[in-house]
Protein backbone atom coordinates (compact mmCIF):
# COMPACT_ATOMS: atom_id res chain seq x y z
CA MET A 1 -76.29 -62.87 -3.77
CA GLY A 2 -74.57 -64.07 -6.82
CA GLY A 3 -73.18 -63.79 -10.63
CA PHE A 4 -73.28 -65.60 -13.54
CA PHE A 5 -70.60 -65.96 -16.43
CA GLY A 6 -72.26 -67.20 -20.58
CA ALA A 7 -70.01 -68.10 -23.77
CA VAL A 8 -70.61 -68.76 -27.55
CA SER A 9 -67.98 -69.26 -29.73
CA GLN A 10 -67.48 -71.52 -32.68
CA ARG A 11 -65.63 -73.94 -30.50
CA ASP A 12 -66.38 -75.90 -27.36
CA VAL A 13 -66.79 -73.56 -24.53
CA THR A 14 -67.09 -76.16 -21.60
CA LEU A 15 -64.20 -75.14 -20.04
CA ASP A 16 -64.51 -71.39 -20.63
CA ILE A 17 -68.32 -71.71 -18.52
CA PHE A 18 -66.25 -74.12 -15.45
CA PHE A 19 -63.64 -71.49 -14.88
CA GLY A 20 -65.77 -68.43 -15.74
CA VAL A 21 -68.21 -69.78 -13.13
CA ASP A 22 -65.74 -70.69 -10.97
CA TYR A 23 -64.47 -67.11 -10.78
CA HIS A 24 -67.59 -66.03 -9.38
CA SER A 25 -67.30 -67.99 -6.25
CA HIS A 26 -66.93 -65.46 -3.97
CA LEU A 27 -70.30 -63.87 -5.09
CA GLY A 28 -72.44 -66.96 -3.47
CA THR A 29 -71.69 -70.15 -1.00
CA ARG A 30 -75.32 -72.51 -1.63
CA ARG A 31 -75.88 -73.00 -4.90
CA GLY A 32 -73.91 -73.39 -8.56
CA GLY A 33 -74.76 -74.50 -11.93
CA MET A 34 -74.23 -75.12 -15.42
CA ILE A 35 -76.02 -75.17 -18.41
CA LEU A 36 -74.42 -76.40 -21.90
CA LEU A 37 -76.06 -76.27 -25.91
CA ASP A 38 -74.68 -78.22 -28.38
CA PRO A 39 -76.95 -77.85 -31.62
CA LYS A 40 -76.58 -82.06 -31.92
CA ASP A 41 -77.50 -83.54 -28.53
CA GLY A 42 -79.37 -80.11 -27.21
CA PHE A 43 -78.82 -78.53 -23.85
CA GLN A 44 -76.91 -80.66 -20.94
CA ARG A 45 -77.61 -79.21 -17.13
CA GLN A 46 -76.00 -79.86 -13.76
CA ILE A 47 -76.55 -78.29 -10.65
CA HIS A 48 -74.99 -78.86 -6.71
CA SER A 49 -75.04 -77.63 -3.42
CA ILE A 50 -71.85 -75.64 -2.37
CA GLU A 51 -72.33 -75.44 0.65
CA ASN A 52 -69.42 -78.03 1.71
CA THR A 53 -67.85 -78.23 -1.47
CA PRO A 54 -66.72 -75.26 -3.60
CA PHE A 55 -67.27 -75.07 -7.16
CA ARG A 56 -64.72 -76.41 -8.89
CA THR A 57 -64.29 -79.61 -7.36
CA LYS A 58 -68.46 -80.42 -7.37
CA PHE A 59 -68.47 -79.75 -10.80
CA GLU A 60 -64.85 -81.32 -11.75
CA ARG A 61 -66.48 -84.44 -12.61
CA ASP A 62 -69.21 -83.00 -14.26
CA LEU A 63 -67.26 -81.62 -17.34
CA ALA A 64 -66.64 -84.95 -19.51
CA GLU A 65 -70.60 -85.10 -19.98
CA PHE A 66 -70.22 -81.44 -21.21
CA HIS A 67 -70.22 -80.05 -24.98
CA GLY A 68 -71.37 -77.15 -26.84
CA CYS A 69 -70.34 -74.14 -28.67
CA GLY A 70 -72.86 -72.02 -26.28
CA GLY A 71 -73.47 -72.28 -21.83
CA ILE A 72 -74.45 -69.67 -18.99
CA GLY A 73 -73.53 -70.98 -15.34
CA CYS A 74 -74.32 -68.90 -11.57
CA ILE A 75 -73.49 -69.25 -8.92
CA SER A 76 -76.45 -68.66 -6.23
CA ASP A 77 -76.93 -67.63 -3.00
CA THR A 78 -80.51 -67.94 -3.26
CA ASP A 79 -81.96 -70.49 -5.47
CA PRO A 80 -81.22 -73.59 -7.72
CA GLN A 81 -80.38 -72.83 -11.06
CA PRO A 82 -80.18 -72.19 -14.24
CA LEU A 83 -83.00 -73.32 -15.37
CA LEU A 84 -84.91 -74.88 -18.57
CA VAL A 85 -88.04 -73.23 -19.29
CA ARG A 86 -90.60 -74.90 -22.00
CA SER A 87 -92.70 -72.14 -23.36
CA HIS A 88 -94.45 -70.38 -26.35
CA LEU A 89 -91.39 -68.47 -26.66
CA GLY A 90 -89.41 -71.77 -26.76
CA LEU A 91 -86.99 -73.78 -25.30
CA TYR A 92 -84.50 -72.13 -22.95
CA ALA A 93 -81.98 -71.49 -20.42
CA ILE A 94 -82.01 -68.72 -17.61
CA THR A 95 -80.51 -67.73 -15.00
CA THR A 96 -81.14 -64.71 -12.33
CA VAL A 97 -79.25 -62.46 -10.05
CA GLY A 98 -81.85 -60.01 -8.11
CA ILE A 99 -84.25 -59.89 -5.52
CA ILE A 100 -87.93 -60.20 -5.91
CA ASN A 101 -89.37 -58.46 -2.50
CA ASN A 102 -93.58 -58.42 -4.56
CA ALA A 103 -92.80 -62.56 -5.28
CA GLU A 104 -96.31 -63.59 -2.90
CA VAL A 105 -98.08 -61.11 -5.06
CA LEU A 106 -96.55 -61.86 -8.41
CA VAL A 107 -96.90 -66.06 -7.82
CA ASP A 108 -100.78 -65.34 -6.81
CA ARG A 109 -101.04 -62.98 -10.07
CA CYS A 110 -100.02 -65.94 -12.13
CA PHE A 111 -102.42 -68.14 -10.45
CA SER A 112 -105.53 -66.02 -11.39
CA ASP A 113 -105.94 -67.26 -14.64
CA HIS A 114 -106.08 -70.82 -13.57
CA GLY A 115 -103.40 -71.87 -15.88
CA HIS A 116 -100.16 -71.50 -13.97
CA GLN A 117 -98.55 -73.94 -11.89
CA PHE A 118 -94.69 -73.61 -10.05
CA MET A 119 -92.63 -75.99 -8.50
CA ALA A 120 -92.33 -75.75 -5.33
CA MET A 121 -89.07 -76.40 -3.15
CA SER A 122 -89.15 -77.63 0.10
CA SER A 123 -89.75 -74.42 1.86
CA GLY A 124 -93.15 -74.02 -0.12
CA LYS A 125 -91.54 -70.80 -1.75
CA VAL A 126 -91.58 -70.18 -5.35
CA ASN A 127 -87.80 -71.02 -7.29
CA SER A 128 -87.28 -66.80 -8.08
CA THR A 129 -85.78 -67.78 -11.40
CA GLU A 130 -89.01 -69.78 -12.14
CA LEU A 131 -91.04 -66.77 -11.00
CA ALA A 132 -88.80 -64.41 -13.37
CA ALA A 133 -89.76 -66.73 -16.61
CA ALA A 134 -93.42 -67.11 -15.83
CA LEU A 135 -93.25 -63.06 -15.79
CA ILE A 136 -91.46 -63.13 -19.46
CA ASN A 137 -93.53 -65.56 -21.04
CA GLN A 138 -96.70 -63.71 -20.26
CA LYS A 139 -94.92 -61.36 -23.25
CA ASP A 140 -95.19 -62.67 -26.88
CA ASP A 141 -91.51 -62.40 -27.01
CA LEU A 142 -88.52 -62.56 -24.98
CA VAL A 143 -87.58 -58.79 -25.27
CA SER A 144 -91.03 -57.82 -24.25
CA GLY A 145 -90.81 -60.47 -21.47
CA ILE A 146 -87.58 -59.38 -20.05
CA LEU A 147 -88.82 -55.56 -20.11
CA HIS A 148 -92.44 -56.61 -18.60
CA ALA A 149 -90.39 -58.75 -15.67
CA GLN A 150 -88.29 -55.96 -14.82
CA GLU A 151 -91.12 -53.41 -14.54
CA VAL A 152 -92.77 -55.83 -11.80
CA ILE A 153 -90.90 -56.35 -9.94
CA ASP A 154 -90.28 -55.09 -6.52
CA GLY A 155 -86.42 -55.56 -6.13
CA SER A 156 -83.81 -56.29 -8.90
CA LEU A 157 -83.80 -58.66 -12.38
CA THR A 158 -80.27 -59.28 -14.55
CA LEU A 159 -80.73 -62.35 -16.11
CA LEU A 160 -78.95 -64.72 -18.77
CA ILE A 161 -81.00 -66.68 -21.40
CA LEU A 162 -79.68 -68.69 -23.36
CA THR A 163 -82.06 -69.99 -26.37
CA GLU A 164 -81.96 -72.95 -28.94
CA GLU A 165 -80.54 -71.20 -31.53
CA GLY A 166 -77.53 -70.74 -29.72
CA GLU A 167 -77.79 -67.26 -28.35
CA ILE A 168 -77.54 -65.31 -25.01
CA ILE A 169 -79.62 -62.70 -23.93
CA ALA A 170 -78.55 -60.44 -21.41
CA ALA A 171 -80.34 -58.11 -19.64
CA ARG A 172 -79.06 -55.17 -16.81
CA ASP A 173 -81.24 -54.82 -14.21
CA ARG A 174 -83.41 -51.34 -15.15
CA MET A 175 -81.60 -49.44 -12.46
CA GLY A 176 -78.49 -50.85 -13.32
CA ARG A 177 -77.57 -52.09 -9.70
CA LEU A 178 -75.29 -54.93 -10.84
CA PRO A 179 -72.70 -54.89 -13.99
CA VAL A 180 -72.42 -56.60 -17.01
CA LEU A 181 -69.94 -57.07 -19.29
CA ILE A 182 -69.38 -58.38 -22.74
CA GLY A 183 -66.26 -59.82 -23.81
CA LYS A 184 -64.51 -60.87 -27.22
CA ASN A 185 -61.85 -63.43 -29.00
CA HIS A 186 -61.26 -63.96 -32.05
CA GLN A 187 -63.87 -67.35 -31.86
CA GLY A 188 -66.66 -66.24 -29.74
CA HIS A 189 -67.62 -63.75 -26.97
CA CYS A 190 -68.42 -63.88 -23.36
CA VAL A 191 -70.51 -62.13 -20.54
CA SER A 192 -69.82 -61.70 -16.93
CA PHE A 193 -70.30 -60.31 -14.04
CA GLU A 194 -66.53 -59.86 -13.23
CA SER A 195 -64.63 -58.47 -15.84
CA PHE A 196 -61.83 -60.14 -14.62
CA ALA A 197 -63.70 -63.63 -15.42
CA CYS A 198 -63.30 -62.45 -18.83
CA HIS A 199 -60.00 -61.45 -18.64
CA LYS A 200 -58.31 -64.94 -17.72
CA ILE A 201 -59.96 -66.93 -19.78
CA GLY A 202 -58.85 -65.06 -22.67
CA TYR A 203 -61.63 -62.69 -23.66
CA GLU A 204 -60.67 -58.64 -23.79
CA VAL A 205 -64.07 -56.61 -22.20
CA ASP A 206 -65.28 -55.22 -25.03
CA TYR A 207 -68.26 -53.56 -24.06
CA GLU A 208 -70.55 -52.89 -20.49
CA LEU A 209 -74.51 -52.91 -20.37
CA GLY A 210 -76.46 -50.09 -19.29
CA PRO A 211 -79.46 -49.63 -17.06
CA ARG A 212 -82.18 -51.49 -18.85
CA GLU A 213 -80.76 -52.63 -21.85
CA ILE A 214 -80.80 -56.01 -23.10
CA VAL A 215 -78.19 -57.40 -25.25
CA ARG A 216 -78.33 -60.16 -27.76
CA ILE A 217 -74.54 -62.02 -28.29
CA ARG A 218 -73.90 -64.42 -31.14
CA PRO A 219 -70.36 -66.15 -31.93
CA ASP A 220 -69.77 -63.28 -34.26
CA GLY A 221 -71.19 -59.86 -32.64
CA TYR A 222 -73.81 -58.87 -30.32
CA GLU A 223 -76.46 -56.04 -30.39
CA THR A 224 -78.46 -54.13 -28.70
CA LEU A 225 -82.29 -55.27 -29.17
CA SER A 226 -83.98 -52.91 -26.26
CA PRO A 227 -81.34 -49.78 -25.31
CA ALA A 228 -79.99 -48.38 -22.50
CA ALA A 229 -81.66 -46.35 -19.70
CA GLU A 230 -80.17 -42.93 -18.63
CA LYS A 231 -80.93 -43.73 -15.09
CA MET A 232 -78.67 -45.73 -13.43
CA LYS A 233 -78.21 -46.87 -9.38
CA ILE A 234 -75.34 -49.35 -9.30
CA CYS A 235 -74.26 -50.63 -5.95
CA ALA A 236 -71.71 -48.95 -4.29
CA PHE A 237 -70.74 -52.06 -2.16
CA LEU A 238 -69.25 -53.40 -5.39
CA TRP A 239 -66.65 -51.70 -4.92
CA THR A 240 -66.46 -51.42 -1.21
CA TYR A 241 -66.68 -55.10 -0.17
CA TYR A 242 -68.11 -57.83 -2.64
CA GLY A 243 -66.15 -57.56 -5.65
CA TYR A 244 -63.21 -59.04 -6.65
CA PRO A 245 -59.97 -56.83 -6.10
CA ASN A 246 -58.96 -56.96 -10.21
CA SER A 247 -62.37 -55.99 -11.39
CA ASN A 248 -63.60 -53.24 -12.91
CA TYR A 249 -67.37 -51.41 -12.76
CA GLU A 250 -68.15 -48.25 -15.00
CA GLY A 251 -64.41 -47.87 -15.44
CA VAL A 252 -63.27 -47.94 -11.75
CA ASN A 253 -60.37 -50.53 -10.34
CA VAL A 254 -61.73 -52.61 -7.18
CA GLU A 255 -59.07 -52.10 -5.53
CA VAL A 256 -57.97 -48.88 -6.51
CA MET A 257 -61.09 -47.41 -5.42
CA ARG A 258 -60.35 -49.29 -1.80
CA CYS A 259 -56.67 -48.03 -1.26
CA ARG A 260 -58.38 -44.34 -2.37
CA ASN A 261 -61.08 -44.45 0.23
CA GLY A 262 -58.97 -45.65 2.91
CA ALA A 263 -56.53 -42.77 2.12
CA ILE A 264 -59.50 -40.41 2.47
CA MET A 265 -60.32 -41.50 5.99
CA ALA A 266 -56.93 -41.16 6.91
CA ARG A 267 -56.84 -37.66 5.62
CA GLU A 268 -59.98 -36.19 7.16
CA GLU A 269 -59.12 -37.79 10.34
CA ARG A 270 -55.56 -36.17 10.39
CA ARG A 271 -57.56 -32.84 9.24
CA ARG A 272 -60.07 -32.89 12.49
CA GLY A 273 -57.03 -34.38 14.29
CA THR A 274 -58.25 -37.62 15.58
CA LEU A 275 -55.76 -40.02 13.95
CA PRO A 276 -54.94 -42.21 16.32
CA ALA A 277 -51.48 -43.37 17.97
CA VAL A 278 -50.68 -47.12 16.85
CA ASP A 279 -47.88 -48.97 16.03
CA TYR A 280 -49.52 -50.62 13.04
CA VAL A 281 -52.34 -50.13 10.28
CA ALA A 282 -54.25 -53.17 9.42
CA GLY A 283 -57.29 -54.81 7.33
CA VAL A 284 -59.48 -56.96 8.41
CA PRO A 285 -58.53 -59.43 5.97
CA ASP A 286 -59.89 -59.86 2.86
CA SER A 287 -61.27 -57.23 1.64
CA GLY A 288 -60.65 -55.07 4.45
CA VAL A 289 -56.79 -54.96 3.21
CA PRO A 290 -56.38 -52.21 0.56
CA HIS A 291 -58.13 -50.24 2.64
CA ALA A 292 -55.78 -50.79 5.39
CA ILE A 293 -53.11 -50.01 2.87
CA GLY A 294 -55.03 -46.28 1.82
CA TYR A 295 -55.17 -45.34 5.53
CA ALA A 296 -51.10 -46.61 6.35
CA ASN A 297 -50.01 -44.64 3.66
CA GLU A 298 -51.97 -41.20 3.53
CA SER A 299 -51.55 -41.36 7.32
CA ARG A 300 -47.56 -42.57 7.52
CA MET A 301 -48.16 -45.12 10.04
CA GLU A 302 -46.63 -48.59 9.23
CA PHE A 303 -48.61 -51.18 7.76
CA ALA A 304 -48.48 -55.04 8.80
CA ARG A 305 -51.07 -58.15 9.06
CA PRO A 306 -51.62 -58.76 12.87
CA PHE A 307 -53.38 -61.74 11.72
CA VAL A 308 -53.71 -63.74 8.67
CA LYS A 309 -57.17 -65.88 7.68
CA TYR A 310 -56.24 -70.03 6.92
CA THR A 311 -57.52 -70.08 3.80
CA PRO A 312 -56.79 -73.72 2.43
CA THR A 313 -60.03 -75.51 4.04
CA TRP A 314 -61.93 -72.46 4.54
CA PRO A 315 -61.61 -70.29 1.33
CA ARG A 316 -63.75 -67.24 1.02
CA SER A 317 -66.22 -69.40 -1.04
CA PHE A 318 -66.51 -72.24 1.48
CA MET A 319 -68.64 -70.86 4.26
CA PRO A 320 -71.70 -72.60 5.69
CA ALA A 321 -75.30 -70.98 5.20
CA ASN A 322 -76.10 -71.25 9.33
CA GLN A 323 -75.00 -68.43 10.55
CA ASP A 324 -73.70 -69.93 14.42
CA VAL A 325 -71.73 -71.98 11.96
CA ARG A 326 -70.14 -69.31 9.76
CA ASN A 327 -69.31 -67.63 12.77
CA GLN A 328 -66.90 -70.38 14.26
CA VAL A 329 -65.84 -70.83 11.20
CA ALA A 330 -64.40 -66.92 11.25
CA LYS A 331 -63.12 -67.66 14.06
CA MET A 332 -61.07 -70.73 13.40
CA LYS A 333 -59.87 -69.15 10.53
CA GLN A 334 -57.91 -65.87 12.22
CA ILE A 335 -54.67 -67.02 12.82
CA PRO A 336 -52.18 -64.65 15.20
CA VAL A 337 -48.97 -63.34 14.80
CA PRO A 338 -48.01 -62.68 18.13
CA GLU A 339 -44.92 -60.71 17.79
CA LEU A 340 -47.58 -58.11 15.65
CA ILE A 341 -49.97 -57.99 18.39
CA GLN A 342 -48.34 -58.27 21.64
CA GLY A 343 -48.23 -55.14 23.57
CA LYS A 344 -48.69 -53.02 20.64
CA ARG A 345 -51.38 -50.58 19.66
CA LEU A 346 -53.81 -51.75 16.54
CA LEU A 347 -55.60 -49.98 14.03
CA PHE A 348 -57.53 -52.33 12.01
CA VAL A 349 -59.96 -51.60 9.22
CA ASP A 350 -62.83 -53.78 8.14
CA ASP A 351 -65.05 -53.37 4.74
CA SER A 352 -68.05 -52.29 6.76
CA ILE A 353 -69.60 -53.14 9.91
CA VAL A 354 -73.30 -54.35 9.53
CA ARG A 355 -74.29 -57.09 12.87
CA GLY A 356 -71.20 -56.49 14.34
CA THR A 357 -70.99 -60.61 15.90
CA GLN A 358 -67.75 -61.55 13.88
CA LEU A 359 -65.87 -58.21 14.51
CA ARG A 360 -66.24 -58.35 18.18
CA GLU A 361 -64.99 -62.31 17.82
CA THR A 362 -62.19 -60.72 16.39
CA VAL A 363 -60.99 -58.18 18.88
CA GLU A 364 -61.93 -60.20 21.70
CA PHE A 365 -59.03 -63.09 19.68
CA LEU A 366 -56.88 -59.61 19.50
CA TYR A 367 -56.81 -58.73 22.85
CA GLU A 368 -56.09 -62.27 24.27
CA SER A 369 -53.21 -62.62 21.73
CA GLY A 370 -51.78 -59.92 24.00
CA ALA A 371 -52.88 -56.30 21.66
CA LYS A 372 -52.88 -53.41 24.08
CA GLU A 373 -55.11 -51.09 22.09
CA VAL A 374 -57.59 -51.97 19.50
CA HIS A 375 -58.72 -49.18 17.20
CA MET A 376 -61.62 -49.92 14.59
CA ARG A 377 -62.31 -48.25 11.79
CA SER A 378 -65.13 -48.82 8.77
CA ALA A 379 -64.65 -48.28 5.28
CA CYS A 380 -68.15 -46.81 4.85
CA PRO A 381 -71.28 -45.68 7.20
CA PRO A 382 -73.17 -47.07 9.59
CA ILE A 383 -75.82 -49.20 8.11
CA MET A 384 -78.97 -48.51 8.87
CA TYR A 385 -81.45 -50.15 6.21
CA SER A 386 -81.53 -53.72 4.98
CA CYS A 387 -80.69 -53.79 0.73
CA LYS A 388 -83.97 -54.31 -0.26
CA TYR A 389 -82.88 -54.84 -3.71
CA LEU A 390 -79.54 -56.90 -3.57
CA ASN A 391 -78.78 -59.68 -0.71
CA PHE A 392 -76.16 -57.68 0.85
CA SER A 393 -76.98 -56.74 4.55
CA ARG A 394 -80.45 -58.56 4.65
CA GLY A 395 -81.94 -60.03 7.74
CA ASN A 396 -85.27 -60.68 9.04
CA SER A 397 -85.31 -56.91 10.26
CA ASP A 398 -83.44 -53.76 10.36
CA MET A 399 -83.08 -54.09 13.90
CA ASP A 400 -80.51 -57.05 12.94
CA LEU A 401 -78.30 -54.31 11.89
CA LEU A 402 -76.11 -53.35 14.40
CA ALA A 403 -75.76 -49.19 13.94
CA ARG A 404 -80.00 -49.85 14.12
CA ARG A 405 -79.65 -51.50 17.44
CA ILE A 406 -77.43 -49.30 19.24
CA VAL A 407 -79.87 -46.28 18.21
CA GLN A 408 -82.99 -48.32 19.75
CA GLU A 409 -80.56 -48.91 22.98
CA LEU A 410 -79.86 -45.47 23.48
CA GLU A 411 -83.27 -43.49 22.22
CA GLY A 412 -85.96 -46.11 21.94
CA ASP A 413 -88.77 -45.14 19.14
CA GLU A 414 -87.68 -41.40 19.07
CA GLY A 415 -84.26 -42.28 17.95
CA GLN A 416 -85.22 -44.21 15.17
CA GLU A 417 -86.77 -40.76 14.05
CA HIS A 418 -83.27 -39.13 14.00
CA LEU A 419 -81.20 -42.04 11.91
CA GLU A 420 -79.39 -39.38 9.56
CA GLU A 421 -77.66 -37.64 12.87
CA TYR A 422 -76.37 -41.02 13.63
CA ALA A 423 -74.94 -41.49 11.10
CA ASP A 424 -72.84 -38.15 11.68
CA ALA A 425 -69.87 -38.64 13.55
CA SER A 426 -69.92 -34.50 13.56
CA THR A 427 -73.23 -34.27 15.47
CA GLY A 428 -73.69 -35.66 19.25
CA ARG A 429 -76.08 -38.53 18.23
CA GLY A 430 -73.21 -39.47 15.91
CA GLN A 431 -70.60 -39.46 19.06
CA CYS A 432 -72.85 -41.51 21.02
CA LEU A 433 -73.45 -44.09 18.50
CA LEU A 434 -69.60 -44.41 17.99
CA LYS A 435 -69.18 -44.18 22.14
CA ARG A 436 -71.55 -47.41 22.77
CA ILE A 437 -70.70 -49.57 19.98
CA CYS A 438 -66.93 -48.79 21.30
CA GLU A 439 -68.16 -50.39 25.15
CA LYS A 440 -70.24 -53.25 23.62
CA LEU A 441 -67.60 -54.52 20.69
CA GLY A 442 -64.23 -53.54 22.96
CA PHE A 443 -62.57 -50.95 20.85
CA ASP A 444 -60.50 -48.17 22.14
CA THR A 445 -61.77 -46.00 18.83
CA LEU A 446 -64.14 -46.16 16.50
CA GLY A 447 -64.76 -44.35 12.75
CA TYR A 448 -66.95 -44.49 10.35
CA GLN A 449 -65.98 -43.29 6.85
CA SER A 450 -68.67 -40.32 5.69
CA LEU A 451 -70.73 -41.06 2.61
CA GLU A 452 -69.20 -37.80 1.07
CA GLY A 453 -65.38 -39.68 1.58
CA LEU A 454 -67.02 -42.89 -0.06
CA LEU A 455 -69.00 -40.96 -2.93
CA GLU A 456 -65.61 -39.34 -3.67
CA SER A 457 -63.20 -42.67 -3.85
CA ILE A 458 -65.48 -44.32 -6.64
CA GLY A 459 -65.80 -41.03 -8.21
CA ILE A 460 -68.45 -41.66 -10.99
CA ASP A 461 -71.78 -39.26 -10.92
CA ARG A 462 -72.97 -39.04 -7.69
CA GLU A 463 -76.59 -39.49 -8.85
CA LYS A 464 -75.83 -43.33 -10.41
CA ILE A 465 -74.50 -45.04 -6.94
CA CYS A 466 -77.54 -46.80 -5.03
CA THR A 467 -76.60 -45.64 -1.06
CA TYR A 468 -79.97 -47.18 -0.03
CA CYS A 469 -78.60 -49.13 2.92
CA TRP A 470 -76.66 -45.79 4.46
CA THR A 471 -79.61 -43.47 3.69
CA GLY A 472 -82.82 -45.23 3.52
CA LYS A 473 -83.40 -43.33 0.05
CA GLU A 474 -84.04 -44.51 -3.49
């Protein structure tokens, strides 16, 4: 996916940008970038690949060259950025998070005036941040340009712009799918995806942008340039999976939500009489752990960690892009605690089940380590649709998703007309889905959190939450 951090201040913000961006490393594994602005020396920029080396290691050597009272930076799971753009709107730096599904159509539209060209990447594709800038530059000012770009893009667009005047313009996606927060201290302001990044660097979160809102940020304050819209569809996976535990979105803390989510799962299983008898409840580390703690507390079964991840040389942000290598790395990271596995009945809670490849290998690893039973719970419903707004659960086809593949195996094309039933464990089709996944992945039992339970655990207005990957509905 990706994340960003920016700051403008009366003092040098190089270290603020460095650490602020680094605190977003859990959101991407491909590129990292920083741009600083000094009134005398202008913009300084550096972009590095972080596929094999974490952001902090790559950028430490560049710190001596950076200086300025304004800057932005990003972790990107897509294209190299931030970019420097010169147009009739002036010279500015830009970084984006989101997806442009209709990129080719928009590129062709830009080419139609015979006056535009893009730098092609090695794949031949256009950098999505460059395309966003081109759309912005079609208008007479940055605000009108941002609103125009967000309107014509099929997908989502959240961005930061650093102007020559040393101001940051922050724009949240028109449906508010991702968060944008402003922090302040006595010398300046910052803008961040993750709230905890503000706190750790000495800023207090002061404001959260609404959907479609555009704000100008200066060292001495900030102002809304375009008001927030009422309709919001913030991504539920912020809480379920990719948000950091100590971050808050729309006033709801990630760790608190995950514990509550696990408790709701156990509560409903007790009500149905389906709680299995196990020796330990555990989380699939790392994001599954708080869901499992909530489950264990509510079910009054003992929580344990039968295996841990070895992170000194394989941290979460240090994952190759190649899927085969990712699977091997995931396997190498799993270190068993034999005393908590051998002869034990184990129930694991994972944040989600997407493709199932790594989970199958985890179950095999547990049985090889001597587990007697392995029960699995997913902290969200079966994923039926690839995300078309962000990078989560994206693939070449919906058939990359485990649940959709199983439906196809069970009933062919006819089954694709009954996805809502398959996602509901109380139906016959839902029970068939659970049984077949257990057979394929080796679980003794499997349970998914219901959509109702997930929404209850988040606790905000349900109309403001995007659930597309489960329901296929906007």
